[in-house]
């Protein structure tokens, strides 16, 4: 399973322990460019928000937040593939 597949799986489970794992998976892309670093920050903000919503039980927002985080992850994937 590659890093992006694992990140997608973390989006599906959205548990608090996934934040550390997501950070570890994304760490290798941090120095690629400022654009990649910004995309990582945007994804992590959305992912942390999703985890918070899941853990507090606010189910109405989960679907929208998952979709937003998936869009950010897709953008990050494209940036990493272009820079690589």
Protein backbone atom coordinates (compact mmCIF):
# COMPACT_ATOMS: atom_id res chain seq x y z
CA UNK A 1 0.00 0.00 0.00
CA UNK A 2 1.53 3.33 -1.00
CA UNK A 3 1.45 6.46 1.17
CA UNK A 4 -1.58 7.97 -0.55
CA UNK A 5 -3.61 4.78 -0.29
CA UNK A 6 -2.79 4.64 3.41
CA UNK A 7 -3.79 8.30 3.80
CA UNK A 8 -7.13 7.53 2.13
CA UNK A 9 -7.62 4.67 4.57
CA UNK A 10 -6.88 7.08 7.44
CA UNK A 11 -9.57 9.40 6.06
CA UNK A 12 -12.06 6.54 6.22
CA UNK A 13 -11.22 5.68 9.84
CA UNK A 14 -10.49 9.27 11.00
CA UNK A 15 -9.21 8.37 14.44
CA UNK A 16 -6.97 10.50 16.63
CA UNK A 17 -4.04 8.12 16.23
CA UNK A 18 -4.24 8.69 12.47
CA UNK A 19 -2.92 12.24 12.81
CA UNK A 20 0.53 11.07 13.86
CA UNK A 21 0.58 8.43 11.14
CA UNK A 22 -0.48 10.96 8.49
CA UNK A 23 2.27 13.33 9.61
CA UNK A 24 4.81 10.52 9.37
CA UNK A 25 3.62 9.53 5.89
CA UNK A 26 3.77 13.12 4.64
CA UNK A 27 7.11 14.01 6.22
CA UNK A 28 9.05 12.69 3.21
CA UNK A 29 7.32 15.18 0.89
CA UNK A 30 7.87 18.29 3.05
CA UNK A 31 11.01 19.63 1.33
CA UNK A 32 9.82 19.23 -2.27
CA UNK A 33 8.48 22.78 -2.74
CA UNK A 34 6.57 25.53 -0.98
CA UNK A 35 3.48 24.54 -2.92
CA UNK A 36 3.71 20.95 -1.68
CA UNK A 37 4.30 22.15 1.88
CA UNK A 38 1.21 24.38 1.66
CA UNK A 39 -0.85 21.48 0.26
CA UNK A 40 0.30 19.26 3.13
CA UNK A 41 -0.69 21.93 5.65
CA UNK A 42 -4.13 22.34 4.04
CA UNK A 43 -4.72 18.59 4.00
CA UNK A 44 -3.63 18.18 7.62
CA UNK A 45 -5.88 21.02 8.77
CA UNK A 46 -8.86 19.37 7.07
CA UNK A 47 -7.88 15.95 8.39
CA UNK A 48 -7.53 17.22 11.96
CA UNK A 49 -10.90 18.94 11.66
CA UNK A 50 -12.44 15.68 10.42
CA UNK A 51 -10.92 13.76 13.33
CA UNK A 52 -12.30 16.33 15.76
CA UNK A 53 -15.78 16.11 14.24
CA UNK A 54 -15.72 12.31 14.29
CA UNK A 55 -14.51 12.17 17.88
CA UNK A 56 -17.12 14.67 19.09
CA UNK A 57 -19.92 12.83 17.32
CA UNK A 58 -21.03 15.61 14.97
CA UNK A 59 -22.08 13.19 12.24
CA UNK A 60 -23.79 15.72 9.99
CA UNK A 61 -20.49 17.29 8.91
CA UNK A 62 -18.44 14.12 8.46
CA UNK A 63 -19.34 13.48 4.82
CA UNK A 64 -18.54 17.03 3.70
CA UNK A 65 -15.27 17.08 5.61
CA UNK A 66 -14.20 13.71 4.20
CA UNK A 67 -14.90 14.97 0.68
CA UNK A 68 -12.93 18.17 1.30
CA UNK A 69 -9.99 16.24 2.74
CA UNK A 70 -10.07 13.85 -0.25
CA UNK A 71 -9.93 16.83 -2.64
CA UNK A 72 -6.93 18.21 -0.73
CA UNK A 73 -5.25 14.80 -0.79
CA UNK A 74 -5.86 14.49 -4.53
CA UNK A 75 -4.29 17.91 -5.09
CA UNK A 76 -1.31 16.93 -2.94
CA UNK A 77 -0.90 13.68 -4.89
CA UNK A 78 -0.83 15.61 -8.17
CA UNK A 79 1.70 18.11 -6.85
CA UNK A 80 4.00 15.40 -5.55
CA UNK A 81 3.85 13.55 -8.87
CA UNK A 82 4.62 16.74 -10.83
CA UNK A 83 7.55 17.71 -8.59
CA UNK A 84 8.97 14.16 -8.50
